[in-house]
C-alpha atoms as a PDB file:
ATOM      1  CA  UNK A   1       0.030   0.192   0.093  1.00  0.00           C
ATOM      2  CA  UNK A   2       0.850   3.542  -0.677  1.00  0.00           C
ATOM      3  CA  UNK A   3       1.323   6.383   1.771  1.00  0.00           C
ATOM      4  CA  UNK A   4      -1.274   6.574   4.565  1.00  0.00           C
ATOM      5  CA  UNK A   5      -3.192   9.663   4.198  1.00  0.00           C
ATOM      6  CA  UNK A   6      -4.077  10.944   7.728  1.00  0.00           C
ATOM      7  CA  UNK A   7      -6.363  13.678   9.728  1.00  0.00           C
ATOM      8  CA  UNK A   8      -6.178  14.690  13.221  1.00  0.00           C
ATOM      9  CA  UNK A   9      -9.439  15.686  15.206  1.00  0.00           C
ATOM     10  CA  UNK A  10      -9.138  18.026  17.970  1.00  0.00           C
ATOM     11  CA  UNK A  11      -6.193  20.269  17.885  1.00  0.00           C
ATOM     12  CA  UNK A  12      -5.317  21.063  21.378  1.00  0.00           C
ATOM     13  CA  UNK A  13      -2.536  20.082  23.493  1.00  0.00           C
ATOM     14  CA  UNK A  14      -2.518  16.281  23.001  1.00  0.00           C
ATOM     15  CA  UNK A  15      -2.649  16.664  19.125  1.00  0.00           C
ATOM     16  CA  UNK A  16       0.150  19.345  19.221  1.00  0.00           C
ATOM     17  CA  UNK A  17       2.429  17.490  21.543  1.00  0.00           C
ATOM     18  CA  UNK A  18       2.351  14.055  20.395  1.00  0.00           C
ATOM     19  CA  UNK A  19       0.291  12.793  17.524  1.00  0.00           C
ATOM     20  CA  UNK A  20       0.748  15.554  14.843  1.00  0.00           C
ATOM     21  CA  UNK A  21       4.530  15.301  16.097  1.00  0.00           C
ATOM     22  CA  UNK A  22       4.559  11.920  15.465  1.00  0.00           C
ATOM     23  CA  UNK A  23       2.845  11.432  12.291  1.00  0.00           C
ATOM     24  CA  UNK A  24       5.051  14.234  10.943  1.00  0.00           C
ATOM     25  CA  UNK A  25       7.905  11.833  11.885  1.00  0.00           C
ATOM     26  CA  UNK A  26       6.778   8.837  10.364  1.00  0.00           C
ATOM     27  CA  UNK A  27       7.782   7.653   6.776  1.00  0.00           C
ATOM     28  CA  UNK A  28       4.726   5.686   6.285  1.00  0.00           C
ATOM     29  CA  UNK A  29       2.209   8.812   6.658  1.00  0.00           C
ATOM     30  CA  UNK A  30       1.194  11.762   4.706  1.00  0.00           C
ATOM     31  CA  UNK A  31      -0.842  14.402   7.160  1.00  0.00           C
ATOM     32  CA  UNK A  32      -3.534  15.622   5.064  1.00  0.00           C
ATOM     33  CA  UNK A  33      -6.098  17.234   7.566  1.00  0.00           C
ATOM     34  CA  UNK A  34      -6.769  18.764  10.868  1.00  0.00           C
ATOM     35  CA  UNK A  35     -10.162  19.511  12.342  1.00  0.00           C
ATOM     36  CA  UNK A  36     -11.226  21.923  15.295  1.00  0.00           C
ATOM     37  CA  UNK A  37     -14.068  23.913  15.979  1.00  0.00           C
ATOM     38  CA  UNK A  38     -11.845  26.786  16.989  1.00  0.00           C
ATOM     39  CA  UNK A  39     -11.712  27.687  13.297  1.00  0.00           C
ATOM     40  CA  UNK A  40      -8.604  30.040  14.479  1.00  0.00           C
ATOM     41  CA  UNK A  41      -6.514  26.757  16.241  1.00  0.00           C
ATOM     42  CA  UNK A  42      -7.371  24.650  13.193  1.00  0.00           C
ATOM     43  CA  UNK A  43      -6.108  27.218  10.597  1.00  0.00           C
ATOM     44  CA  UNK A  44      -2.704  27.768  12.781  1.00  0.00           C
ATOM     45  CA  UNK A  45      -2.249  24.169  13.271  1.00  0.00           C
ATOM     46  CA  UNK A  46      -3.083  23.232   9.391  1.00  0.00           C
ATOM     47  CA  UNK A  47      -0.444  26.148   8.420  1.00  0.00           C
ATOM     48  CA  UNK A  48       2.377  24.584  10.409  1.00  0.00           C
ATOM     49  CA  UNK A  49       1.956  21.222   9.025  1.00  0.00           C
ATOM     50  CA  UNK A  50       0.790  22.553   5.680  1.00  0.00           C
ATOM     51  CA  UNK A  51      -2.458  20.533   5.547  1.00  0.00           C
ATOM     52  CA  UNK A  52      -6.222  21.326   5.227  1.00  0.00           C
ATOM     53  CA  UNK A  53      -8.294  22.873   7.991  1.00  0.00           C
ATOM     54  CA  UNK A  54     -11.648  21.954   8.872  1.00  0.00           C
ATOM     55  CA  UNK A  55     -13.849  23.155  11.290  1.00  0.00           C
ATOM     56  CA  UNK A  56     -16.528  20.104  11.388  1.00  0.00           C
ATOM     57  CA  UNK A  57     -15.499  16.468  11.401  1.00  0.00           C
ATOM     58  CA  UNK A  58     -18.137  15.170   9.482  1.00  0.00           C
ATOM     59  CA  UNK A  59     -16.652  17.364   6.379  1.00  0.00           C
ATOM     60  CA  UNK A  60     -13.431  15.591   7.098  1.00  0.00           C
ATOM     61  CA  UNK A  61     -14.794  11.996   7.655  1.00  0.00           C
ATOM     62  CA  UNK A  62     -17.114  12.765   4.104  1.00  0.00           C
ATOM     63  CA  UNK A  63     -14.293  14.166   2.221  1.00  0.00           C
ATOM     64  CA  UNK A  64     -12.865  10.845   0.694  1.00  0.00           C
ATOM     65  CA  UNK A  65      -9.250  12.081   1.815  1.00  0.00           C
ATOM     66  CA  UNK A  66      -8.090  10.427   4.908  1.00  0.00           C
ATOM     67  CA  UNK A  67      -7.249   6.527   5.316  1.00  0.00           C
ATOM     68  CA  UNK A  68      -7.350   7.011   9.224  1.00  0.00           C
ATOM     69  CA  UNK A  69      -7.384   9.484  11.950  1.00  0.00           C
ATOM     70  CA  UNK A  70      -6.617  10.374  15.746  1.00  0.00           C
ATOM     71  CA  UNK A  71      -9.446  11.449  18.026  1.00  0.00           C
ATOM     72  CA  UNK A  72      -8.168  14.020  20.118  1.00  0.00           C
ATOM     73  CA  UNK A  73     -11.151  15.698  21.439  1.00  0.00           C
ATOM     74  CA  UNK A  74     -12.621  16.417  24.672  1.00  0.00           C
ATOM     75  CA  UNK A  75     -13.979  12.676  26.295  1.00  0.00           C
ATOM     76  CA  UNK A  76     -17.415  12.950  25.770  1.00  0.00           C
ATOM     77  CA  UNK A  77     -17.074  13.230  21.707  1.00  0.00           C
ATOM     78  CA  UNK A  78     -14.577  10.297  21.576  1.00  0.00           C
ATOM     79  CA  UNK A  79     -17.436   7.729  20.558  1.00  0.00           C
ATOM     80  CA  UNK A  80     -19.505   9.635  18.284  1.00  0.00           C
ATOM     81  CA  UNK A  81     -16.630  10.760  16.256  1.00  0.00           C
ATOM     82  CA  UNK A  82     -14.510   7.472  16.313  1.00  0.00           C
ATOM     83  CA  UNK A  83     -18.033   5.556  15.372  1.00  0.00           C
ATOM     84  CA  UNK A  84     -18.865   7.960  12.706  1.00  0.00           C
ATOM     85  CA  UNK A  85     -15.012   7.332  11.304  1.00  0.00           C
ATOM     86  CA  UNK A  86     -15.447   3.918  11.868  1.00  0.00           C
ATOM     87  CA  UNK A  87     -18.936   3.492   9.676  1.00  0.00           C
ATOM     88  CA  UNK A  88     -16.886   5.726   6.776  1.00  0.00           C
ATOM     89  CA  UNK A  89     -14.369   3.331   6.441  1.00  0.00           C
ATOM     90  CA  UNK A  90     -11.329   5.295   8.428  1.00  0.00           C
ATOM     91  CA  UNK A  91      -9.057   3.544  10.897  1.00  0.00           C
ATOM     92  CA  UNK A  92      -9.071   5.279  14.000  1.00  0.00           C
ATOM     93  CA  UNK A  93      -6.340   6.225  16.983  1.00  0.00           C
ATOM     94  CA  UNK A  94      -8.756   7.412  19.853  1.00  0.00           C
ATOM     95  CA  UNK A  95      -7.551   9.318  22.880  1.00  0.00           C
ATOM     96  CA  UNK A  96      -7.967   7.921  26.318  1.00  0.00           C
ATOM     97  CA  UNK A  97     -10.329   7.441  28.061  1.00  0.00           C
ATOM     98  CA  UNK A  98     -12.049   5.772  25.075  1.00  0.00           C
ATOM     99  CA  UNK A  99     -15.664   6.781  26.050  1.00  0.00           C
ATOM    100  CA  UNK A 100     -18.015   7.858  29.095  1.00  0.00           C
ATOM    101  CA  UNK A 101     -19.737   4.686  29.433  1.00  0.00           C
ATOM    102  CA  UNK A 102     -19.673   0.970  28.928  1.00  0.00           C
ATOM    103  CA  UNK A 103     -22.359   1.361  26.126  1.00  0.00           C
ATOM    104  CA  UNK A 104     -20.427   3.933  24.084  1.00  0.00           C
ATOM    105  CA  UNK A 105     -16.830   1.803  24.233  1.00  0.00           C
ATOM    106  CA  UNK A 106     -18.918  -1.197  22.731  1.00  0.00           C
ATOM    107  CA  UNK A 107     -20.679   0.680  19.951  1.00  0.00           C
ATOM    108  CA  UNK A 108     -17.168   1.538  19.066  1.00  0.00           C
ATOM    109  CA  UNK A 109     -16.073  -1.861  19.175  1.00  0.00           C
ATOM    110  CA  UNK A 110     -19.167  -2.952  17.243  1.00  0.00           C
ATOM    111  CA  UNK A 111     -18.386  -0.046  15.074  1.00  0.00           C
ATOM    112  CA  UNK A 112     -14.800  -1.247  14.144  1.00  0.00           C
ATOM    113  CA  UNK A 113     -15.630  -5.081  13.931  1.00  0.00           C
ATOM    114  CA  UNK A 114     -18.723  -3.994  11.069  1.00  0.00           C
ATOM    115  CA  UNK A 115     -15.972  -1.886   8.816  1.00  0.00           C
ATOM    116  CA  UNK A 116     -12.793  -4.015   9.391  1.00  0.00           C
ATOM    117  CA  UNK A 117     -11.212  -1.158  10.138  1.00  0.00           C
ATOM    118  CA  UNK A 118      -8.842  -0.721  12.987  1.00  0.00           C
ATOM    119  CA  UNK A 119      -9.443   0.693  16.657  1.00  0.00           C
ATOM    120  CA  UNK A 120      -6.783   1.486  18.743  1.00  0.00           C
ATOM    121  CA  UNK A 121      -6.903   3.580  22.130  1.00  0.00           C
ATOM    122  CA  UNK A 122      -3.760   5.742  23.310  1.00  0.00           C
ATOM    123  CA  UNK A 123      -2.520   4.056  26.567  1.00  0.00           C
ATOM    124  CA  UNK A 124       0.801   4.795  26.240  1.00  0.00           C
ATOM    125  CA  UNK A 125       2.037   3.760  29.404  1.00  0.00           C
ATOM    126  CA  UNK A 126       2.309   0.048  27.961  1.00  0.00           C
ATOM    127  CA  UNK A 127       5.011   1.034  25.898  1.00  0.00           C
ATOM    128  CA  UNK A 128       7.528   3.189  28.038  1.00  0.00           C
ATOM    129  CA  UNK A 129      10.703   0.801  28.126  1.00  0.00           C
ATOM    130  CA  UNK A 130      10.528   0.186  31.978  1.00  0.00           C
ATOM    131  CA  UNK A 131       7.188  -0.936  31.842  1.00  0.00           C
ATOM    132  CA  UNK A 132       7.859  -3.603  29.109  1.00  0.00           C
ATOM    133  CA  UNK A 133      10.922  -4.609  30.801  1.00  0.00           C
ATOM    134  CA  UNK A 134       8.627  -4.898  34.241  1.00  0.00           C
ATOM    135  CA  UNK A 135       6.369  -7.118  32.423  1.00  0.00           C
ATOM    136  CA  UNK A 136       8.835  -9.591  31.206  1.00  0.00           C
ATOM    137  CA  UNK A 137      10.277  -9.721  34.828  1.00  0.00           C
ATOM    138  CA  UNK A 138       7.047 -10.274  36.508  1.00  0.00           C
ATOM    139  CA  UNK A 139       5.696 -12.787  33.646  1.00  0.00           C
ATOM    140  CA  UNK A 140       8.962 -14.875  33.925  1.00  0.00           C
ATOM    141  CA  UNK A 141       8.563 -15.040  37.706  1.00  0.00           C
ATOM    142  CA  UNK A 142      11.602 -13.149  38.413  1.00  0.00           C
ATOM    143  CA  UNK A 143      10.064 -11.706  41.388  1.00  0.00           C
ATOM    144  CA  UNK A 144       7.962 -14.513  42.238  1.00  0.00           C
ATOM    145  CA  UNK A 145       4.482 -14.208  43.560  1.00  0.00           C
ATOM    146  CA  UNK A 146       2.998 -10.796  43.110  1.00  0.00           C
ATOM    147  CA  UNK A 147       1.562  -9.616  46.550  1.00  0.00           C
ATOM    148  CA  UNK A 148       1.030  -6.166  46.086  1.00  0.00           C
ATOM    149  CA  UNK A 149       1.120  -2.744  44.357  1.00  0.00           C
ATOM    150  CA  UNK A 150       1.094   0.715  44.300  1.00  0.00           C
ATOM    151  CA  UNK A 151       0.873   3.191  41.732  1.00  0.00           C
ATOM    152  CA  UNK A 152       0.200   7.400  40.978  1.00  0.00           C
ATOM    153  CA  UNK A 153      -0.186   9.568  38.504  1.00  0.00           C
ATOM    154  CA  UNK A 154      -0.302  12.999  39.657  1.00  0.00           C
ATOM    155  CA  UNK A 155       0.855  16.727  38.485  1.00  0.00           C
ATOM    156  CA  UNK A 156      -0.486  20.467  38.973  1.00  0.00           C
ATOM    157  CA  UNK A 157      -3.027  20.188  36.901  1.00  0.00           C
ATOM    158  CA  UNK A 158      -4.162  20.502  32.951  1.00  0.00           C
ATOM    159  CA  UNK A 159      -4.410  24.008  33.084  1.00  0.00           C
ATOM    160  CA  UNK A 160      -0.568  24.051  33.202  1.00  0.00           C
ATOM    161  CA  UNK A 161      -0.503  22.971  29.362  1.00  0.00           C
ATOM    162  CA  UNK A 162      -3.995  22.589  28.265  1.00  0.00           C
ATOM    163  CA  UNK A 163      -4.541  25.302  25.267  1.00  0.00           C
ATOM    164  CA  UNK A 164      -7.501  26.577  26.902  1.00  0.00           C
ATOM    165  CA  UNK A 165      -6.339  26.791  30.849  1.00  0.00           C
ATOM    166  CA  UNK A 166      -8.546  26.662  33.286  1.00  0.00           C
ATOM    167  CA  UNK A 167     -11.807  27.333  30.473  1.00  0.00           C
ATOM    168  CA  UNK A 168     -10.583  24.179  29.374  1.00  0.00           C
ATOM    169  CA  UNK A 169     -13.050  21.177  28.578  1.00  0.00           C
ATOM    170  CA  UNK A 170     -11.116  18.847  31.533  1.00  0.00           C
ATOM    171  CA  UNK A 171     -12.956  20.773  33.764  1.00  0.00           C
ATOM    172  CA  UNK A 172     -16.559  20.768  32.885  1.00  0.00           C
ATOM    173  CA  UNK A 173     -18.153  17.689  33.618  1.00  0.00           C
ATOM    174  CA  UNK A 174     -20.086  17.568  30.836  1.00  0.00           C
ATOM    175  CA  UNK A 175     -17.592  17.638  28.319  1.00  0.00           C
ATOM    176  CA  UNK A 176     -14.861  15.683  30.409  1.00  0.00           C
ATOM    177  CA  UNK A 177     -17.515  13.439  31.936  1.00  0.00           C
ATOM    178  CA  UNK A 178     -14.776  12.499  34.593  1.00  0.00           C
ATOM    179  CA  UNK A 179     -11.284  14.417  35.888  1.00  0.00           C
ATOM    180  CA  UNK A 180      -8.130  13.073  37.020  1.00  0.00           C
ATOM    181  CA  UNK A 181      -9.523   9.879  37.320  1.00  0.00           C
ATOM    182  CA  UNK A 182     -10.346  10.005  33.675  1.00  0.00           C
ATOM    183  CA  UNK A 183      -7.257  11.799  32.419  1.00  0.00           C
ATOM    184  CA  UNK A 184      -4.708   9.738  34.587  1.00  0.00           C
ATOM    185  CA  UNK A 185      -6.101   7.388  36.368  1.00  0.00           C
ATOM    186  CA  UNK A 186      -7.165   5.419  33.439  1.00  0.00           C
ATOM    187  CA  UNK A 187      -3.608   5.001  32.240  1.00  0.00           C
ATOM    188  CA  UNK A 188      -2.693   3.576  35.621  1.00  0.00           C
ATOM    189  CA  UNK A 189      -5.628   0.745  35.463  1.00  0.00           C
ATOM    190  CA  UNK A 190      -4.425  -0.053  31.768  1.00  0.00           C
ATOM    191  CA  UNK A 191      -0.850  -0.300  33.294  1.00  0.00           C
ATOM    192  CA  UNK A 192      -1.497  -2.261  36.108  1.00  0.00           C
ATOM    193  CA  UNK A 193      -3.720  -4.892  33.454  1.00  0.00           C
ATOM    194  CA  UNK A 194      -0.731  -4.977  31.529  1.00  0.00           C
ATOM    195  CA  UNK A 195       2.117  -5.129  34.111  1.00  0.00           C
ATOM    196  CA  UNK A 196       0.421  -7.877  36.556  1.00  0.00           C
ATOM    197  CA  UNK A 197      -1.434  -9.823  33.420  1.00  0.00           C
ATOM    198  CA  UNK A 198      -5.153 -10.023  35.002  1.00  0.00           C
ATOM    199  CA  UNK A 199      -7.846  -8.163  35.289  1.00  0.00           C
ATOM    200  CA  UNK A 200      -8.771  -6.109  38.399  1.00  0.00           C
ATOM    201  CA  UNK A 201     -11.861  -8.063  39.766  1.00  0.00           C
ATOM    202  CA  UNK A 202     -13.009  -4.905  42.618  1.00  0.00           C
ATOM    203  CA  UNK A 203     -12.583  -1.534  43.643  1.00  0.00           C
ATOM    204  CA  UNK A 204     -12.925   0.781  46.321  1.00  0.00           C
ATOM    205  CA  UNK A 205     -12.843   4.497  45.758  1.00  0.00           C
ATOM    206  CA  UNK A 206     -12.488   7.848  47.361  1.00  0.00           C
ATOM    207  CA  UNK A 207     -13.004  10.225  44.012  1.00  0.00           C
ATOM    208  CA  UNK A 208     -12.568  14.130  45.443  1.00  0.00           C
ATOM    209  CA  UNK A 209     -12.858  17.478  44.439  1.00  0.00           C
ATOM    210  CA  UNK A 210     -10.555  19.520  46.762  1.00  0.00           C
ATOM    211  CA  UNK A 211      -7.961  21.315  44.705  1.00  0.00           C
ATOM    212  CA  UNK A 212      -9.581  22.926  41.958  1.00  0.00           C
ATOM    213  CA  UNK A 213     -12.216  25.561  43.201  1.00  0.00           C
ATOM    214  CA  UNK A 214     -13.183  26.081  39.379  1.00  0.00           C
ATOM    215  CA  UNK A 215     -13.946  22.648  38.445  1.00  0.00           C
ATOM    216  CA  UNK A 216     -16.860  20.395  38.584  1.00  0.00           C
ATOM    217  CA  UNK A 217     -14.945  17.300  38.043  1.00  0.00           C
ATOM    218  CA  UNK A 218     -13.002  15.193  40.314  1.00  0.00           C
ATOM    219  CA  UNK A 219      -8.937  16.183  41.239  1.00  0.00           C
ATOM    220  CA  UNK A 220      -7.943  13.997  43.612  1.00  0.00           C
ATOM    221  CA  UNK A 221      -8.659  10.241  43.697  1.00  0.00           C
ATOM    222  CA  UNK A 222      -7.436   7.296  45.580  1.00  0.00           C
ATOM    223  CA  UNK A 223      -9.060   3.539  44.891  1.00  0.00           C
ATOM    224  CA  UNK A 224      -7.984   0.375  46.997  1.00  0.00           C
ATOM    225  CA  UNK A 225      -7.520  -2.104  43.931  1.00  0.00           C
ATOM    226  CA  UNK A 226      -7.893  -6.079  44.073  1.00  0.00           C
ATOM    227  CA  UNK A 227      -6.983  -8.625  41.230  1.00  0.00           C
ATOM    228  CA  UNK A 228      -8.983 -12.057  39.796  1.00  0.00           C
ATOM    229  CA  UNK A 229      -5.932 -13.415  41.858  1.00  0.00           C
ATOM    230  CA  UNK A 230      -6.139 -11.408  44.686  1.00  0.00           C
ATOM    231  CA  UNK A 231      -3.240  -8.962  44.566  1.00  0.00           C
ATOM    232  CA  UNK A 232      -3.987  -6.430  46.323  1.00  0.00           C
ATOM    233  CA  UNK A 233      -3.019  -2.474  46.112  1.00  0.00           C
ATOM    234  CA  UNK A 234      -3.646   1.158  45.627  1.00  0.00           C
ATOM    235  CA  UNK A 235      -3.653   3.660  43.034  1.00  0.00           C
ATOM    236  CA  UNK A 236      -3.531   6.971  43.242  1.00  0.00           C
ATOM    237  CA  UNK A 237      -4.677  10.202  40.269  1.00  0.00           C
ATOM    238  CA  UNK A 238      -4.215  13.697  41.194  1.00  0.00           C
ATOM    239  CA  UNK A 239      -3.981  16.855  39.653  1.00  0.00           C
ATOM    240  CA  UNK A 240      -3.058  18.563  43.158  1.00  0.00           C
ATOM    241  CA  UNK A 241       0.533  16.848  42.865  1.00  0.00           C
ATOM    242  CA  UNK A 242       2.060  21.134  42.651  1.00  0.00           C
ATOM    243  CA  UNK A 243       5.749  20.701  42.683  1.00  0.00           C
ATOM    244  CA  UNK A 244       6.780  17.661  40.507  1.00  0.00           C
ATOM    245  CA  UNK A 245       5.105  15.037  38.804  1.00  0.00           C
ATOM    246  CA  UNK A 246       4.716  11.617  40.030  1.00  0.00           C
ATOM    247  CA  UNK A 247       4.055   8.383  37.361  1.00  0.00           C
ATOM    248  CA  UNK A 248       5.365   5.542  39.534  1.00  0.00           C
ATOM    249  CA  UNK A 249       4.335   2.232  40.440  1.00  0.00           C
ATOM    250  CA  UNK A 250       5.624  -0.519  42.726  1.00  0.00           C
ATOM    251  CA  UNK A 251       4.740  -3.930  42.151  1.00  0.00           C
ATOM    252  CA  UNK A 252       6.019  -6.100  45.603  1.00  0.00           C
ATOM    253  CA  UNK A 253       6.557  -9.834  44.962  1.00  0.00           C
ATOM    254  CA  UNK A 254       8.131 -12.781  46.988  1.00  0.00           C
ATOM    255  CA  UNK A 255      11.284 -12.319  46.036  1.00  0.00           C
ATOM    256  CA  UNK A 256      11.703  -8.813  45.286  1.00  0.00           C
ATOM    257  CA  UNK A 257      10.258  -5.495  44.559  1.00  0.00           C
ATOM    258  CA  UNK A 258      10.444  -3.406  40.962  1.00  0.00           C
ATOM    259  CA  UNK A 259      10.179   0.207  41.506  1.00  0.00           C
ATOM    260  CA  UNK A 260       9.348   2.055  38.381  1.00  0.00           C
ATOM    261  CA  UNK A 261      10.034   5.427  37.271  1.00  0.00           C
ATOM    262  CA  UNK A 262       9.888   6.304  41.084  1.00  0.00           C
ATOM    263  CA  UNK A 263      14.023   7.152  40.957  1.00  0.00           C
ATOM    264  CA  UNK A 264      15.416  10.381  38.785  1.00  0.00           C
ATOM    265  CA  UNK A 265      18.278   8.523  37.734  1.00  0.00           C
ATOM    266  CA  UNK A 266      17.015   4.497  37.309  1.00  0.00           C
ATOM    267  CA  UNK A 267      13.658   4.479  35.362  1.00  0.00           C
ATOM    268  CA  UNK A 268      13.687   0.616  36.892  1.00  0.00           C
ATOM    269  CA  UNK A 269      15.352  -0.610  39.771  1.00  0.00           C
ATOM    270  CA  UNK A 270      14.764  -4.480  41.523  1.00  0.00           C
ATOM    271  CA  UNK A 271      15.400  -4.566  45.021  1.00  0.00           C
ATOM    272  CA  UNK A 272      15.672  -8.831  45.913  1.00  0.00           C
ATOM    273  CA  UNK A 273      14.947 -10.146  49.266  1.00  0.00           C
ATOM    274  CA  UNK A 274      18.451 -11.634  48.890  1.00  0.00           C
ATOM    275  CA  UNK A 275      20.197  -7.472  49.087  1.00  0.00           C
ATOM    276  CA  UNK A 276      20.981  -7.412  45.868  1.00  0.00           C
ATOM    277  CA  UNK A 277      20.012  -3.963  43.912  1.00  0.00           C
ATOM    278  CA  UNK A 278      19.673  -4.110  40.206  1.00  0.00           C
ATOM    279  CA  UNK A 279      19.614  -0.464  38.370  1.00  0.00           C
ATOM    280  CA  UNK A 280      18.011  -0.008  35.048  1.00  0.00           C
ATOM    281  CA  UNK A 281      18.565   2.790  32.819  1.00  0.00           C
ATOM    282  CA  UNK A 282      16.255   2.325  30.317  1.00  0.00           C
ATOM    283  CA  UNK A 283      15.229   5.754  29.247  1.00  0.00           C
ATOM    284  CA  UNK A 284      12.533   8.560  30.623  1.00  0.00           C
ATOM    285  CA  UNK A 285       9.047   8.271  30.325  1.00  0.00           C
ATOM    286  CA  UNK A 286       7.559  10.704  28.225  1.00  0.00           C
ATOM    287  CA  UNK A 287       6.127  14.085  30.041  1.00  0.00           C
ATOM    288  CA  UNK A 288       4.652  17.116  28.330  1.00  0.00           C
ATOM    289  CA  UNK A 289       7.437  18.881  29.977  1.00  0.00           C
ATOM    290  CA  UNK A 290      10.435  17.471  27.542  1.00  0.00           C
ATOM    291  CA  UNK A 291       8.979  19.450  24.793  1.00  0.00           C
ATOM    292  CA  UNK A 292       7.728  15.986  23.373  1.00  0.00           C
ATOM    293  CA  UNK A 293      10.967  14.907  22.311  1.00  0.00           C
ATOM    294  CA  UNK A 294       9.976  11.513  23.455  1.00  0.00           C
ATOM    295  CA  UNK A 295       8.121   8.873  21.124  1.00  0.00           C
ATOM    296  CA  UNK A 296       5.445   7.742  23.097  1.00  0.00           C
ATOM    297  CA  UNK A 297       5.037   4.737  20.331  1.00  0.00           C
ATOM    298  CA  UNK A 298       1.595   5.072  20.354  1.00  0.00           C
ATOM    299  CA  UNK A 299       1.111   6.389  16.444  1.00  0.00           C
ATOM    300  CA  UNK A 300       4.302   4.100  15.217  1.00  0.00           C
ATOM    301  CA  UNK A 301       2.069   0.881  16.415  1.00  0.00           C
ATOM    302  CA  UNK A 302      -1.131   2.463  14.933  1.00  0.00           C
ATOM    303  CA  UNK A 303       0.373   2.757  11.771  1.00  0.00           C
ATOM    304  CA  UNK A 304       2.076  -0.429  11.799  1.00  0.00           C
ATOM    305  CA  UNK A 305      -1.146  -2.500  12.265  1.00  0.00           C
ATOM    306  CA  UNK A 306      -2.725  -0.865   9.547  1.00  0.00           C
ATOM    307  CA  UNK A 307       0.447  -1.209   7.641  1.00  0.00           C
ATOM    308  CA  UNK A 308       0.884  -4.958   8.419  1.00  0.00           C
ATOM    309  CA  UNK A 309      -3.166  -5.379   8.930  1.00  0.00           C
ATOM    310  CA  UNK A 310      -2.187  -7.073  12.612  1.00  0.00           C
ATOM    311  CA  UNK A 311      -4.523  -6.300  15.576  1.00  0.00           C
ATOM    312  CA  UNK A 312      -3.424  -3.127  17.215  1.00  0.00           C
ATOM    313  CA  UNK A 313      -1.449  -3.717  20.558  1.00  0.00           C
ATOM    314  CA  UNK A 314      -4.584  -1.907  22.671  1.00  0.00           C
ATOM    315  CA  UNK A 315      -7.642  -2.936  20.943  1.00  0.00           C
ATOM    316  CA  UNK A 316     -10.944  -1.479  21.752  1.00  0.00           C
ATOM    317  CA  UNK A 317     -11.760  -4.296  24.183  1.00  0.00           C
ATOM    318  CA  UNK A 318      -8.360  -3.325  26.150  1.00  0.00           C
ATOM    319  CA  UNK A 319      -9.189   0.128  26.101  1.00  0.00           C
ATOM    320  CA  UNK A 320     -12.893  -1.085  27.532  1.00  0.00           C
ATOM    321  CA  UNK A 321     -11.545  -2.920  30.296  1.00  0.00           C
ATOM    322  CA  UNK A 322      -9.156  -0.104  31.263  1.00  0.00           C
ATOM    323  CA  UNK A 323     -12.133   2.102  31.600  1.00  0.00           C
ATOM    324  CA  UNK A 324     -14.323  -0.449  33.260  1.00  0.00           C
ATOM    325  CA  UNK A 325     -12.183   0.039  35.970  1.00  0.00           C
ATOM    326  CA  UNK A 326     -12.808   3.829  36.297  1.00  0.00           C
ATOM    327  CA  UNK A 327     -16.375   3.197  36.171  1.00  0.00           C
ATOM    328  CA  UNK A 328     -16.270   1.054  39.130  1.00  0.00           C
ATOM    329  CA  UNK A 329     -14.417   3.441  40.941  1.00  0.00           C
ATOM    330  CA  UNK A 330     -16.818   6.108  40.356  1.00  0.00           C
ATOM    331  CA  UNK A 331     -19.865   3.919  41.388  1.00  0.00           C
ATOM    332  CA  UNK A 332     -17.927   2.711  44.658  1.00  0.00           C
ATOM    333  CA  UNK A 333     -17.410   6.891  45.253  1.00  0.00           C
ATOM    334  CA  UNK A 334     -21.427   7.107  44.982  1.00  0.00           C
ATOM    335  CA  UNK A 335     -22.530   3.979  46.786  1.00  0.00           C
ATOM    336  CA  UNK A 336     -19.936   3.988  49.278  1.00  0.00           C
ATOM    337  CA  UNK A 337     -19.472   0.251  48.506  1.00  0.00           C
ATOM    338  CA  UNK A 338     -16.578  -1.792  47.289  1.00  0.00           C
ATOM    339  CA  UNK A 339     -17.869  -2.182  43.478  1.00  0.00           C
ATOM    340  CA  UNK A 340     -17.231  -5.426  41.241  1.00  0.00           C
ATOM    341  CA  UNK A 341     -15.572  -4.437  37.828  1.00  0.00           C
END
């Protein structure tokens, strides 16, 4: 096949710092269009990449000019736009969380199956080198039986880097549906499922709004999680870690402890029960602070799945399972009970 013609729908921060940059660097891709309801923003980004600007995603999808799109819009538009694209015979890379309900996620998966086109969800934590290495160590039995874990994802909040600052959709419930839990927490539910190689079965959660008085979504959440085999641990998602981002995960096993993205010098540290410590330097996790220098591999894996006609590494089903944990956390918060996923 020839070059893949790609459009990016939604020209906010994630499109500008990640998707557009990574498409522009991909030899199999020709960027042809961008779309944003903010005409000025669409035109500014289109000019930068030498592509056509749209303000209507329907018009872009019906143009016949694109083979694939990235959906980088506010959360509530992920499902309708992805489904419209798949129905139009266009491959879709959708930002996380993939949808705002299980029904929406199922409808996206069904649309992909019906059209025979690819649907991939942008869970980039799986492709971080330290996380891939940790999965191998866990799978091979290197740290023994896993007992427990703790993971956190927090920074000062999207107003620091989102194109619209405090006015942005991130803080508006009808557009975002969920706050830090959807922005950051879903990355970690996906990562835990990937690392541990099993599903999360039960969730108890506190999901609060305590730091952003202008927001009507959560900005601090702490969840207790239990997997199918009985591994227990915590997940924290926060927009109130004001000084320094935390993106760390610790896995506790019978033979040792794995510390991920927890030490500034070493992205992976294994502390064995014998007292031995092994430090791995595997390259840094990508952060919005590095000017997008670090490739997230998301676009590359998406493009490869189309070019090679393989199953995308983060399928719609995978995205839905990671979303289900977030939905269970919200239900736990409402009912004040432990909730089955």
